Amino acid sequence: MPSNLNPLGALPFRFRRQRVLIVGCGDVGLRVARQLPARVRVLALTSSPDRVSALRTAGLVPLQGNLDEVAGLRRLAGLATRVVHLAPPPNHEPDWKTDPRTLALMRALRLRGLPRSLVYGSTSGVYGDCGGEQVTEVRAVNPHTPRAWRRVDAEGQVRLLGRATGTPVHILRIPGIYAPDREGGTPRGRLLKGTPVLRTEDDVYTNHIHADDLARACIAALWRGKPQRITHASDDTRLLMGDYFDLAADLYGLPRPPRVARDSAQEALPLMLLSFMSESRQLDNTRLKRELRLALRYPTVAQGLASSPGAGV
């Protein structure tokens, strides 16, 4: 937890408080804000004027700015003692392997008063398909999709800031995020549609993290993360994707989804879903528990999904 370890002399109290800037303050960002101690001042960057009032009501200090408009980001320099960067790269870029938003943010932060720590929320998709093998953080990246390539580029920009300035940066590689109180945060909608899953012999391993545990991982990384380090923000679950949906169906009292062969899935499922079904890996979360000392509240998806009000009925 945060503490003012270094005396700051006669500076006003508002400058002695820890100031955490959340960039990309959506569902997970708001969970981070709610779980921070009351003495921490939380700033949230938003590009939408419509969100200013909601962020202020939630107890955050809204800052209007757009990661696609570089000039407006200069005001972020020196504002925060710590930064959580959760903003996704743009979906479409002429150079589809780069993330200009992260580049713009890193340049702005370097202008004045570097933060004491920075956490970046990346994706486990940077590994590509691992054939179901167990994966640790030392495995080389092997992105297979444009969105994964952009995340690799963003990771590189964040690590460059750390190497060039000495700022402690920590990267969390995040799998599928779920939570009963998150929009689209459970398999219920897909189960109600009867969307098929792969048969067992064609299936892939999938990884998960409850949104509240992810928020706690972000906070732990801010204060306990080793500098220039990567950590898997993943729970203990070891399940094939089809088994995950079967588990959810049983908890919700819904029919299990139909199983199809991979060649049939090419015609029955959208491209985005097929891309997730083409990558199989099992994330090792030893660092999360040993180095960040995070005790997961929802170690498995069975426990997390069972917390849903609609489960078991």
C-alpha atoms as a PDB file:
ATOM      1  CA  MET A   1       0.000   0.000   0.000  1.00  0.00           C
ATOM      2  CA  PRO A   2       1.185   3.556  -0.654  1.00  0.00           C
ATOM      3  CA  SER A   3       3.040   5.604   1.926  1.00  0.00           C
ATOM      4  CA  ASN A   4       5.026   8.824   1.877  1.00  0.00           C
ATOM      5  CA  LEU A   5       8.445   7.407   2.630  1.00  0.00           C
ATOM      6  CA  ASN A   6      10.356  10.549   1.677  1.00  0.00           C
ATOM      7  CA  PRO A   7       9.636  13.805   3.537  1.00  0.00           C
ATOM      8  CA  LEU A   8       8.462  16.530   1.219  1.00  0.00           C
ATOM      9  CA  GLY A   9       9.269  19.493   3.401  1.00  0.00           C
ATOM     10  CA  ALA A  10       6.778  22.328   3.443  1.00  0.00           C
ATOM     11  CA  LEU A  11       4.927  21.472   0.254  1.00  0.00           C
ATOM     12  CA  PRO A  12       1.123  21.843   0.488  1.00  0.00           C
ATOM     13  CA  PHE A  13      -0.718  18.706   1.603  1.00  0.00           C
ATOM     14  CA  ARG A  14      -2.342  18.221  -1.807  1.00  0.00           C
ATOM     15  CA  PHE A  15       1.120  17.707  -3.299  1.00  0.00           C
ATOM     16  CA  ARG A  16       2.184  15.292  -0.560  1.00  0.00           C
ATOM     17  CA  ARG A  17      -0.657  12.895  -1.391  1.00  0.00           C
ATOM     18  CA  GLN A  18      -0.096  10.027  -3.796  1.00  0.00           C
ATOM     19  CA  ARG A  19      -1.643  10.929  -7.148  1.00  0.00           C
ATOM     20  CA  VAL A  20      -2.525   7.996  -9.407  1.00  0.00           C
ATOM     21  CA  LEU A  21      -3.358   8.744 -13.030  1.00  0.00           C
ATOM     22  CA  ILE A  22      -5.520   6.145 -14.787  1.00  0.00           C
ATOM     23  CA  VAL A  23      -5.318   6.312 -18.570  1.00  0.00           C
ATOM     24  CA  GLY A  24      -8.142   4.340 -20.145  1.00  0.00           C
ATOM     25  CA  CYS A  25     -10.494   4.517 -17.174  1.00  0.00           C
ATOM     26  CA  GLY A  26     -13.178   2.076 -18.252  1.00  0.00           C
ATOM     27  CA  ASP A  27     -14.586  -0.780 -16.173  1.00  0.00           C
ATOM     28  CA  VAL A  28     -11.223  -2.026 -14.873  1.00  0.00           C
ATOM     29  CA  GLY A  29      -9.914   1.493 -14.316  1.00  0.00           C
ATOM     30  CA  LEU A  30     -12.925   2.331 -12.153  1.00  0.00           C
ATOM     31  CA  ARG A  31     -12.356  -0.845 -10.153  1.00  0.00           C
ATOM     32  CA  VAL A  32      -8.755   0.224  -9.592  1.00  0.00           C
ATOM     33  CA  ALA A  33      -9.970   3.609  -8.366  1.00  0.00           C
ATOM     34  CA  ARG A  34     -12.501   2.061  -5.984  1.00  0.00           C
ATOM     35  CA  GLN A  35      -9.909  -0.223  -4.417  1.00  0.00           C
ATOM     36  CA  LEU A  36      -7.263   2.437  -3.839  1.00  0.00           C
ATOM     37  CA  PRO A  37      -7.034   3.862  -0.298  1.00  0.00           C
ATOM     38  CA  ALA A  38      -9.040   7.021   0.332  1.00  0.00           C
ATOM     39  CA  ARG A  39      -5.858   9.040   0.883  1.00  0.00           C
ATOM     40  CA  VAL A  40      -4.832   8.497  -2.755  1.00  0.00           C
ATOM     41  CA  ARG A  41      -5.965  11.157  -5.209  1.00  0.00           C
ATOM     42  CA  VAL A  42      -7.107   9.497  -8.431  1.00  0.00           C
ATOM     43  CA  LEU A  43      -6.935  11.299 -11.762  1.00  0.00           C
ATOM     44  CA  ALA A  44      -8.649   9.869 -14.836  1.00  0.00           C
ATOM     45  CA  LEU A  45      -7.924  10.810 -18.432  1.00  0.00           C
ATOM     46  CA  THR A  46     -11.007  10.788 -20.630  1.00  0.00           C
ATOM     47  CA  SER A  47     -11.552  11.829 -24.227  1.00  0.00           C
ATOM     48  CA  SER A  48     -15.320  12.021 -23.739  1.00  0.00           C
ATOM     49  CA  PRO A  49     -16.868  15.176 -22.216  1.00  0.00           C
ATOM     50  CA  ASP A  50     -19.943  13.058 -21.423  1.00  0.00           C
ATOM     51  CA  ARG A  51     -17.925  11.000 -18.904  1.00  0.00           C
ATOM     52  CA  VAL A  52     -16.622  13.923 -16.876  1.00  0.00           C
ATOM     53  CA  SER A  53     -19.628  14.119 -14.570  1.00  0.00           C
ATOM     54  CA  ALA A  54     -19.710  10.329 -13.948  1.00  0.00           C
ATOM     55  CA  LEU A  55     -15.998  10.231 -13.131  1.00  0.00           C
ATOM     56  CA  ARG A  56     -16.333  13.147 -10.740  1.00  0.00           C
ATOM     57  CA  THR A  57     -19.309  11.476  -9.051  1.00  0.00           C
ATOM     58  CA  ALA A  58     -17.174   8.353  -8.598  1.00  0.00           C
ATOM     59  CA  GLY A  59     -14.664  10.447  -6.658  1.00  0.00           C
ATOM     60  CA  LEU A  60     -12.082  10.812  -9.432  1.00  0.00           C
ATOM     61  CA  VAL A  61     -10.562  13.982 -10.846  1.00  0.00           C
ATOM     62  CA  PRO A  62     -11.422  13.941 -14.571  1.00  0.00           C
ATOM     63  CA  LEU A  63      -8.882  15.252 -17.056  1.00  0.00           C
ATOM     64  CA  GLN A  64     -10.061  15.794 -20.603  1.00  0.00           C
ATOM     65  CA  GLY A  65      -7.551  14.662 -23.188  1.00  0.00           C
ATOM     66  CA  ASN A  66      -7.231  12.460 -26.218  1.00  0.00           C
ATOM     67  CA  LEU A  67      -4.340  10.078 -26.847  1.00  0.00           C
ATOM     68  CA  ASP A  68      -4.828  10.729 -30.562  1.00  0.00           C
ATOM     69  CA  GLU A  69      -4.194  14.469 -30.079  1.00  0.00           C
ATOM     70  CA  VAL A  70      -0.595  14.813 -28.942  1.00  0.00           C
ATOM     71  CA  ALA A  71      -0.604  18.531 -28.122  1.00  0.00           C
ATOM     72  CA  GLY A  72      -3.302  18.141 -25.463  1.00  0.00           C
ATOM     73  CA  LEU A  73      -1.305  15.549 -23.521  1.00  0.00           C
ATOM     74  CA  ARG A  74       1.409  17.942 -22.347  1.00  0.00           C
ATOM     75  CA  ARG A  75      -0.662  18.817 -19.284  1.00  0.00           C
ATOM     76  CA  LEU A  76      -0.195  15.253 -17.997  1.00  0.00           C
ATOM     77  CA  ALA A  77       3.529  15.779 -17.413  1.00  0.00           C
ATOM     78  CA  GLY A  78       4.336  15.821 -13.705  1.00  0.00           C
ATOM     79  CA  LEU A  79       0.715  15.518 -12.558  1.00  0.00           C
ATOM     80  CA  ALA A  80       0.847  11.997 -11.129  1.00  0.00           C
ATOM     81  CA  THR A  81       3.167  10.124  -8.819  1.00  0.00           C
ATOM     82  CA  ARG A  82       2.059   6.817 -10.374  1.00  0.00           C
ATOM     83  CA  VAL A  83       0.369   5.883 -13.672  1.00  0.00           C
ATOM     84  CA  VAL A  84      -1.864   2.979 -14.726  1.00  0.00           C
ATOM     85  CA  HIS A  85      -2.067   2.774 -18.531  1.00  0.00           C
ATOM     86  CA  LEU A  86      -5.059   0.694 -19.639  1.00  0.00           C
ATOM     87  CA  ALA A  87      -5.933   2.431 -22.901  1.00  0.00           C
ATOM     88  CA  PRO A  88      -6.073   0.102 -25.929  1.00  0.00           C
ATOM     89  CA  PRO A  89      -4.270   0.848 -29.174  1.00  0.00           C
ATOM     90  CA  PRO A  90      -6.352   2.158 -32.081  1.00  0.00           C
ATOM     91  CA  ASN A  91      -8.096  -0.536 -34.081  1.00  0.00           C
ATOM     92  CA  HIS A  92      -7.025   0.761 -37.471  1.00  0.00           C
ATOM     93  CA  GLU A  93      -3.728   2.371 -38.353  1.00  0.00           C
ATOM     94  CA  PRO A  94      -1.884   2.738 -41.653  1.00  0.00           C
ATOM     95  CA  ASP A  95       1.013   1.085 -39.838  1.00  0.00           C
ATOM     96  CA  TRP A  96      -0.997  -1.683 -38.181  1.00  0.00           C
ATOM     97  CA  LYS A  97       1.926  -2.927 -36.074  1.00  0.00           C
ATOM     98  CA  THR A  98       2.292   0.243 -33.993  1.00  0.00           C
ATOM     99  CA  ASP A  99       0.475   1.931 -31.113  1.00  0.00           C
ATOM    100  CA  PRO A 100       0.793   5.707 -31.573  1.00  0.00           C
ATOM    101  CA  ARG A 101      -1.328   6.335 -28.462  1.00  0.00           C
ATOM    102  CA  THR A 102       1.172   4.750 -26.101  1.00  0.00           C
ATOM    103  CA  LEU A 103       4.017   6.524 -27.889  1.00  0.00           C
ATOM    104  CA  ALA A 104       2.257   9.876 -27.398  1.00  0.00           C
ATOM    105  CA  LEU A 105       1.616   9.167 -23.711  1.00  0.00           C
ATOM    106  CA  MET A 106       5.204   8.125 -23.020  1.00  0.00           C
ATOM    107  CA  ARG A 107       6.530  11.269 -24.702  1.00  0.00           C
ATOM    108  CA  ALA A 108       4.199  13.435 -22.630  1.00  0.00           C
ATOM    109  CA  LEU A 109       5.227  11.789 -19.368  1.00  0.00           C
ATOM    110  CA  ARG A 110       8.909  12.398 -20.140  1.00  0.00           C
ATOM    111  CA  LEU A 111       8.439  16.159 -20.352  1.00  0.00           C
ATOM    112  CA  ARG A 112       8.531  16.816 -16.600  1.00  0.00           C
ATOM    113  CA  GLY A 113       8.318  15.056 -13.230  1.00  0.00           C
ATOM    114  CA  LEU A 114       8.487  11.366 -14.142  1.00  0.00           C
ATOM    115  CA  PRO A 115       6.162   9.075 -12.169  1.00  0.00           C
ATOM    116  CA  ARG A 116       7.539   6.823  -9.441  1.00  0.00           C
ATOM    117  CA  SER A 117       6.019   3.806 -11.193  1.00  0.00           C
ATOM    118  CA  LEU A 118       4.004   2.959 -14.287  1.00  0.00           C
ATOM    119  CA  VAL A 119       1.880  -0.116 -14.953  1.00  0.00           C
ATOM    120  CA  TYR A 120       0.791  -1.061 -18.462  1.00  0.00           C
ATOM    121  CA  GLY A 121      -2.074  -3.475 -19.124  1.00  0.00           C
ATOM    122  CA  SER A 122      -1.098  -5.559 -22.147  1.00  0.00           C
ATOM    123  CA  THR A 123      -2.540  -8.834 -23.454  1.00  0.00           C
ATOM    124  CA  SER A 124      -1.485 -12.470 -23.319  1.00  0.00           C
ATOM    125  CA  GLY A 125      -2.225 -12.508 -27.049  1.00  0.00           C
ATOM    126  CA  VAL A 126       1.342 -11.331 -27.650  1.00  0.00           C
ATOM    127  CA  TYR A 127       2.440 -14.986 -27.340  1.00  0.00           C
ATOM    128  CA  GLY A 128       0.322 -16.187 -30.247  1.00  0.00           C
ATOM    129  CA  ASP A 129      -0.482 -19.893 -30.413  1.00  0.00           C
ATOM    130  CA  CYS A 130       1.589 -21.976 -27.983  1.00  0.00           C
ATOM    131  CA  GLY A 131      -0.019 -25.330 -28.745  1.00  0.00           C
ATOM    132  CA  GLY A 132      -1.522 -25.584 -25.274  1.00  0.00           C
ATOM    133  CA  GLU A 133       1.857 -25.405 -23.544  1.00  0.00           C
ATOM    134  CA  GLN A 134       2.379 -23.774 -20.157  1.00  0.00           C
ATOM    135  CA  VAL A 135       3.787 -20.289 -20.705  1.00  0.00           C
ATOM    136  CA  THR A 136       5.967 -18.210 -18.385  1.00  0.00           C
ATOM    137  CA  GLU A 137       6.891 -14.566 -18.759  1.00  0.00           C
ATOM    138  CA  VAL A 138      10.294 -15.378 -20.269  1.00  0.00           C
ATOM    139  CA  ARG A 139       8.754 -16.921 -23.388  1.00  0.00           C
ATOM    140  CA  ALA A 140       9.410 -14.930 -26.539  1.00  0.00           C
ATOM    141  CA  VAL A 141       6.457 -13.079 -28.033  1.00  0.00           C
ATOM    142  CA  ASN A 142       5.036 -14.383 -31.301  1.00  0.00           C
ATOM    143  CA  PRO A 143       2.017 -12.232 -32.226  1.00  0.00           C
ATOM    144  CA  HIS A 144      -0.346 -13.614 -34.845  1.00  0.00           C
ATOM    145  CA  THR A 145      -2.883 -10.774 -35.113  1.00  0.00           C
ATOM    146  CA  PRO A 146      -2.713  -7.006 -35.748  1.00  0.00           C
ATOM    147  CA  ARG A 147      -4.064  -6.261 -32.256  1.00  0.00           C
ATOM    148  CA  ALA A 148      -1.324  -8.417 -30.707  1.00  0.00           C
ATOM    149  CA  TRP A 149       1.363  -6.722 -32.811  1.00  0.00           C
ATOM    150  CA  ARG A 150       0.164  -3.326 -31.597  1.00  0.00           C
ATOM    151  CA  ARG A 151       0.406  -4.502 -27.991  1.00  0.00           C
ATOM    152  CA  VAL A 152       3.968  -5.696 -28.570  1.00  0.00           C
ATOM    153  CA  ASP A 153       4.800  -2.239 -29.873  1.00  0.00           C
ATOM    154  CA  ALA A 154       3.146  -0.615 -26.834  1.00  0.00           C
ATOM    155  CA  GLU A 155       5.124  -2.842 -24.480  1.00  0.00           C
ATOM    156  CA  GLY A 156       8.284  -1.754 -26.242  1.00  0.00           C
ATOM    157  CA  GLN A 157       7.415   1.937 -25.819  1.00  0.00           C
ATOM    158  CA  VAL A 158       6.744   1.468 -22.101  1.00  0.00           C
ATOM    159  CA  ARG A 159       9.968  -0.461 -21.545  1.00  0.00           C
ATOM    160  CA  LEU A 160      11.912   2.155 -23.481  1.00  0.00           C
ATOM    161  CA  LEU A 161      10.667   4.794 -21.051  1.00  0.00           C
ATOM    162  CA  GLY A 162      11.876   2.641 -18.169  1.00  0.00           C
ATOM    163  CA  ARG A 163      15.315   2.035 -19.665  1.00  0.00           C
ATOM    164  CA  ALA A 164      15.841   5.634 -20.774  1.00  0.00           C
ATOM    165  CA  THR A 165      14.683   7.382 -17.605  1.00  0.00           C
ATOM    166  CA  GLY A 166      14.957   4.809 -14.827  1.00  0.00           C
ATOM    167  CA  THR A 167      11.209   4.951 -14.221  1.00  0.00           C
ATOM    168  CA  PRO A 168      10.070   1.608 -12.759  1.00  0.00           C
ATOM    169  CA  VAL A 169       7.648   0.154 -15.323  1.00  0.00           C
ATOM    170  CA  HIS A 170       5.702  -3.055 -14.932  1.00  0.00           C
ATOM    171  CA  ILE A 171       3.730  -4.840 -17.653  1.00  0.00           C
ATOM    172  CA  LEU A 172       0.728  -7.014 -16.875  1.00  0.00           C
ATOM    173  CA  ARG A 173      -0.154  -9.484 -19.629  1.00  0.00           C
ATOM    174  CA  ILE A 174      -3.884 -10.000 -19.315  1.00  0.00           C
ATOM    175  CA  PRO A 175      -6.063 -12.853 -20.621  1.00  0.00           C
ATOM    176  CA  GLY A 176      -9.877 -12.868 -20.850  1.00  0.00           C
ATOM    177  CA  ILE A 177     -11.468 -10.519 -18.290  1.00  0.00           C
ATOM    178  CA  TYR A 178     -14.767 -11.533 -16.755  1.00  0.00           C
ATOM    179  CA  ALA A 179     -17.057 -10.459 -13.903  1.00  0.00           C
ATOM    180  CA  PRO A 180     -20.795 -10.867 -13.273  1.00  0.00           C
ATOM    181  CA  ASP A 181     -21.181  -7.088 -12.861  1.00  0.00           C
ATOM    182  CA  ARG A 182     -19.203  -6.240 -16.016  1.00  0.00           C
ATOM    183  CA  GLU A 183     -21.015  -5.541 -19.282  1.00  0.00           C
ATOM    184  CA  GLY A 184     -20.678  -8.698 -21.358  1.00  0.00           C
ATOM    185  CA  GLY A 185     -18.558 -10.068 -18.537  1.00  0.00           C
ATOM    186  CA  THR A 186     -19.960 -13.605 -18.441  1.00  0.00           C
ATOM    187  CA  PRO A 187     -20.685 -16.282 -21.071  1.00  0.00           C
ATOM    188  CA  ARG A 188     -24.435 -16.021 -20.438  1.00  0.00           C
ATOM    189  CA  GLY A 189     -25.238 -14.020 -23.582  1.00  0.00           C
ATOM    190  CA  ARG A 190     -23.311 -16.367 -25.828  1.00  0.00           C
ATOM    191  CA  LEU A 191     -24.936 -19.381 -24.191  1.00  0.00           C
ATOM    192  CA  LEU A 192     -28.402 -17.932 -24.757  1.00  0.00           C
ATOM    193  CA  LYS A 193     -27.568 -17.537 -28.446  1.00  0.00           C
ATOM    194  CA  GLY A 194     -26.455 -21.157 -28.664  1.00  0.00           C
ATOM    195  CA  THR A 195     -23.112 -20.215 -30.197  1.00  0.00           C
ATOM    196  CA  PRO A 196     -21.129 -23.421 -30.788  1.00  0.00           C
ATOM    197  CA  VAL A 197     -17.742 -24.283 -29.318  1.00  0.00           C
ATOM    198  CA  LEU A 198     -15.037 -26.595 -30.614  1.00  0.00           C
ATOM    199  CA  ARG A 199     -15.145 -30.312 -30.000  1.00  0.00           C
ATOM    200  CA  THR A 200     -12.635 -31.534 -27.427  1.00  0.00           C
ATOM    201  CA  GLU A 201     -10.064 -32.835 -29.914  1.00  0.00           C
ATOM    202  CA  ASP A 202      -9.940 -29.411 -31.656  1.00  0.00           C
ATOM    203  CA  ASP A 203     -10.300 -27.249 -28.551  1.00  0.00           C
ATOM    204  CA  VAL A 204      -7.882 -24.690 -27.099  1.00  0.00           C
ATOM    205  CA  TYR A 205      -6.860 -23.729 -23.582  1.00  0.00           C
ATOM    206  CA  THR A 206      -8.181 -20.375 -22.464  1.00  0.00           C
ATOM    207  CA  ASN A 207      -7.105 -18.156 -19.572  1.00  0.00           C
ATOM    208  CA  HIS A 208      -9.096 -15.823 -17.347  1.00  0.00           C
ATOM    209  CA  ILE A 209      -8.965 -13.163 -14.646  1.00  0.00           C
ATOM    210  CA  HIS A 210     -11.810 -11.680 -12.621  1.00  0.00           C
ATOM    211  CA  ALA A 211     -12.010  -7.915 -13.162  1.00  0.00           C
ATOM    212  CA  ASP A 212     -11.697  -7.215  -9.418  1.00  0.00           C
ATOM    213  CA  ASP A 213      -8.569  -9.373  -9.165  1.00  0.00           C
ATOM    214  CA  LEU A 214      -7.136  -7.597 -12.196  1.00  0.00           C
ATOM    215  CA  ALA A 215      -7.705  -4.234 -10.515  1.00  0.00           C
ATOM    216  CA  ARG A 216      -5.930  -5.509  -7.410  1.00  0.00           C
ATOM    217  CA  ALA A 217      -3.055  -6.749  -9.584  1.00  0.00           C
ATOM    218  CA  CYS A 218      -2.695  -3.255 -11.071  1.00  0.00           C
ATOM    219  CA  ILE A 219      -2.458  -1.745  -7.595  1.00  0.00           C
ATOM    220  CA  ALA A 220       0.006  -4.381  -6.401  1.00  0.00           C
ATOM    221  CA  ALA A 221       2.177  -3.766  -9.464  1.00  0.00           C
ATOM    222  CA  LEU A 222       2.147  -0.005  -8.826  1.00  0.00           C
ATOM    223  CA  TRP A 223       3.732  -0.399  -5.402  1.00  0.00           C
ATOM    224  CA  ARG A 224       5.293  -3.869  -5.345  1.00  0.00           C
ATOM    225  CA  GLY A 225       6.121  -4.608  -8.973  1.00  0.00           C
ATOM    226  CA  LYS A 226       9.764  -5.168  -9.817  1.00  0.00           C
ATOM    227  CA  PRO A 227      11.116  -2.554 -12.249  1.00  0.00           C
ATOM    228  CA  GLN A 228      11.112  -3.434 -15.961  1.00  0.00           C
ATOM    229  CA  ARG A 229       9.224  -6.662 -15.219  1.00  0.00           C
ATOM    230  CA  ILE A 230       6.402  -8.603 -16.873  1.00  0.00           C
ATOM    231  CA  THR A 231       3.736 -10.484 -14.896  1.00  0.00           C
ATOM    232  CA  HIS A 232       0.818 -12.643 -16.012  1.00  0.00           C
ATOM    233  CA  ALA A 233      -2.392 -11.314 -14.479  1.00  0.00           C
ATOM    234  CA  SER A 234      -4.179 -14.649 -14.731  1.00  0.00           C
ATOM    235  CA  ASP A 235      -6.021 -16.918 -12.307  1.00  0.00           C
ATOM    236  CA  ASP A 236      -5.370 -20.609 -11.542  1.00  0.00           C
ATOM    237  CA  THR A 237      -7.914 -22.014 -14.006  1.00  0.00           C
ATOM    238  CA  ARG A 238      -6.779 -24.721 -16.449  1.00  0.00           C
ATOM    239  CA  LEU A 239      -9.712 -25.284 -18.793  1.00  0.00           C
ATOM    240  CA  LEU A 240     -10.357 -25.862 -22.453  1.00  0.00           C
ATOM    241  CA  MET A 241     -12.643 -23.202 -23.889  1.00  0.00           C
ATOM    242  CA  GLY A 242     -15.511 -25.615 -24.447  1.00  0.00           C
ATOM    243  CA  ASP A 243     -15.267 -26.876 -20.874  1.00  0.00           C
ATOM    244  CA  TYR A 244     -15.403 -23.282 -19.666  1.00  0.00           C
ATOM    245  CA  PHE A 245     -18.692 -22.730 -21.464  1.00  0.00           C
ATOM    246  CA  ASP A 246     -20.045 -26.063 -20.214  1.00  0.00           C
ATOM    247  CA  LEU A 247     -19.180 -25.004 -16.675  1.00  0.00           C
ATOM    248  CA  ALA A 248     -20.963 -21.690 -17.113  1.00  0.00           C
ATOM    249  CA  ALA A 249     -24.015 -23.356 -18.658  1.00  0.00           C
ATOM    250  CA  ASP A 250     -24.313 -25.732 -15.712  1.00  0.00           C
ATOM    251  CA  LEU A 251     -23.991 -22.855 -13.216  1.00  0.00           C
ATOM    252  CA  TYR A 252     -26.677 -20.834 -14.995  1.00  0.00           C
ATOM    253  CA  GLY A 253     -28.992 -23.761 -15.624  1.00  0.00           C
ATOM    254  CA  LEU A 254     -28.733 -23.293 -19.392  1.00  0.00           C
ATOM    255  CA  PRO A 255     -28.167 -25.832 -22.177  1.00  0.00           C
ATOM    256  CA  ARG A 256     -24.560 -26.607 -22.926  1.00  0.00           C
ATOM    257  CA  PRO A 257     -23.397 -25.182 -26.269  1.00  0.00           C
ATOM    258  CA  PRO A 258     -23.197 -27.450 -29.310  1.00  0.00           C
ATOM    259  CA  ARG A 259     -19.761 -28.810 -30.251  1.00  0.00           C
ATOM    260  CA  VAL A 260     -18.432 -28.503 -33.783  1.00  0.00           C
ATOM    261  CA  ALA A 261     -15.288 -29.528 -35.632  1.00  0.00           C
ATOM    262  CA  ARG A 262     -12.806 -26.786 -36.420  1.00  0.00           C
ATOM    263  CA  ASP A 263     -13.486 -26.919 -40.166  1.00  0.00           C
ATOM    264  CA  SER A 264     -17.219 -26.426 -39.485  1.00  0.00           C
ATOM    265  CA  ALA A 265     -16.484 -23.514 -37.150  1.00  0.00           C
ATOM    266  CA  GLN A 266     -14.961 -21.579 -40.051  1.00  0.00           C
ATOM    267  CA  GLU A 267     -18.479 -21.174 -41.445  1.00  0.00           C
ATOM    268  CA  ALA A 268     -20.450 -20.902 -38.193  1.00  0.00           C
ATOM    269  CA  LEU A 269     -18.453 -18.356 -36.191  1.00  0.00           C
ATOM    270  CA  PRO A 270     -17.320 -14.733 -36.711  1.00  0.00           C
ATOM    271  CA  LEU A 271     -13.669 -14.035 -37.519  1.00  0.00           C
ATOM    272  CA  MET A 272     -12.926 -12.394 -34.152  1.00  0.00           C
ATOM    273  CA  LEU A 273     -14.159 -15.434 -32.251  1.00  0.00           C
ATOM    274  CA  LEU A 274     -12.274 -17.754 -34.567  1.00  0.00           C
ATOM    275  CA  SER A 275      -9.056 -15.880 -33.849  1.00  0.00           C
ATOM    276  CA  PHE A 276      -9.432 -16.643 -30.134  1.00  0.00           C
ATOM    277  CA  MET A 277     -10.091 -20.278 -30.990  1.00  0.00           C
ATOM    278  CA  SER A 278      -6.844 -20.500 -32.953  1.00  0.00           C
ATOM    279  CA  GLU A 279      -4.550 -19.812 -29.980  1.00  0.00           C
ATOM    280  CA  SER A 280      -3.979 -22.191 -27.079  1.00  0.00           C
ATOM    281  CA  ARG A 281      -1.792 -21.589 -24.028  1.00  0.00           C
ATOM    282  CA  GLN A 282      -1.783 -21.995 -20.253  1.00  0.00           C
ATOM    283  CA  LEU A 283      -0.430 -18.958 -18.433  1.00  0.00           C
ATOM    284  CA  ASP A 284       1.805 -19.513 -15.418  1.00  0.00           C
ATOM    285  CA  ASN A 285       0.863 -17.035 -12.663  1.00  0.00           C
ATOM    286  CA  THR A 286       3.678 -17.787 -10.206  1.00  0.00           C
ATOM    287  CA  ARG A 287       5.058 -14.241 -10.389  1.00  0.00           C
ATOM    288  CA  LEU A 288       1.634 -12.781  -9.673  1.00  0.00           C
ATOM    289  CA  LYS A 289       1.400 -14.684  -6.400  1.00  0.00           C
ATOM    290  CA  ARG A 290       5.042 -14.711  -5.315  1.00  0.00           C
ATOM    291  CA  GLU A 291       6.384 -11.359  -6.448  1.00  0.00           C
ATOM    292  CA  LEU A 292       3.256  -9.196  -6.333  1.00  0.00           C
ATOM    293  CA  ARG A 293       2.029 -11.226  -3.339  1.00  0.00           C
ATOM    294  CA  LEU A 294      -1.524 -11.176  -4.660  1.00  0.00           C
ATOM    295  CA  ALA A 295      -3.971 -13.565  -3.040  1.00  0.00           C
ATOM    296  CA  LEU A 296      -6.678 -14.039  -5.656  1.00  0.00           C
ATOM    297  CA  ARG A 297     -10.227 -13.543  -4.423  1.00  0.00           C
ATOM    298  CA  TYR A 298     -11.439 -15.657  -7.334  1.00  0.00           C
ATOM    299  CA  PRO A 299      -8.712 -18.252  -8.000  1.00  0.00           C
ATOM    300  CA  THR A 300     -10.881 -20.070 -10.559  1.00  0.00           C
ATOM    301  CA  VAL A 301     -13.625 -19.103 -12.978  1.00  0.00           C
ATOM    302  CA  ALA A 302     -15.925 -21.551 -11.196  1.00  0.00           C
ATOM    303  CA  GLN A 303     -15.690 -19.413  -8.068  1.00  0.00           C
ATOM    304  CA  GLY A 304     -15.953 -16.143  -9.963  1.00  0.00           C
ATOM    305  CA  LEU A 305     -18.944 -17.160 -12.052  1.00  0.00           C
ATOM    306  CA  ALA A 306     -20.665 -18.702  -9.023  1.00  0.00           C
ATOM    307  CA  SER A 307     -20.676 -15.212  -7.457  1.00  0.00           C
ATOM    308  CA  SER A 308     -23.162 -14.132 -10.124  1.00  0.00           C
ATOM    309  CA  PRO A 309     -26.707 -13.524  -8.798  1.00  0.00           C
ATOM    310  CA  GLY A 310     -28.038 -15.672 -11.648  1.00  0.00           C
ATOM    311  CA  ALA A 311     -25.825 -18.670 -10.996  1.00  0.00           C
ATOM    312  CA  GLY A 312     -27.341 -21.837  -9.665  1.00  0.00           C
ATOM    313  CA  VAL A 313     -30.910 -20.935 -10.561  1.00  0.00           C
END
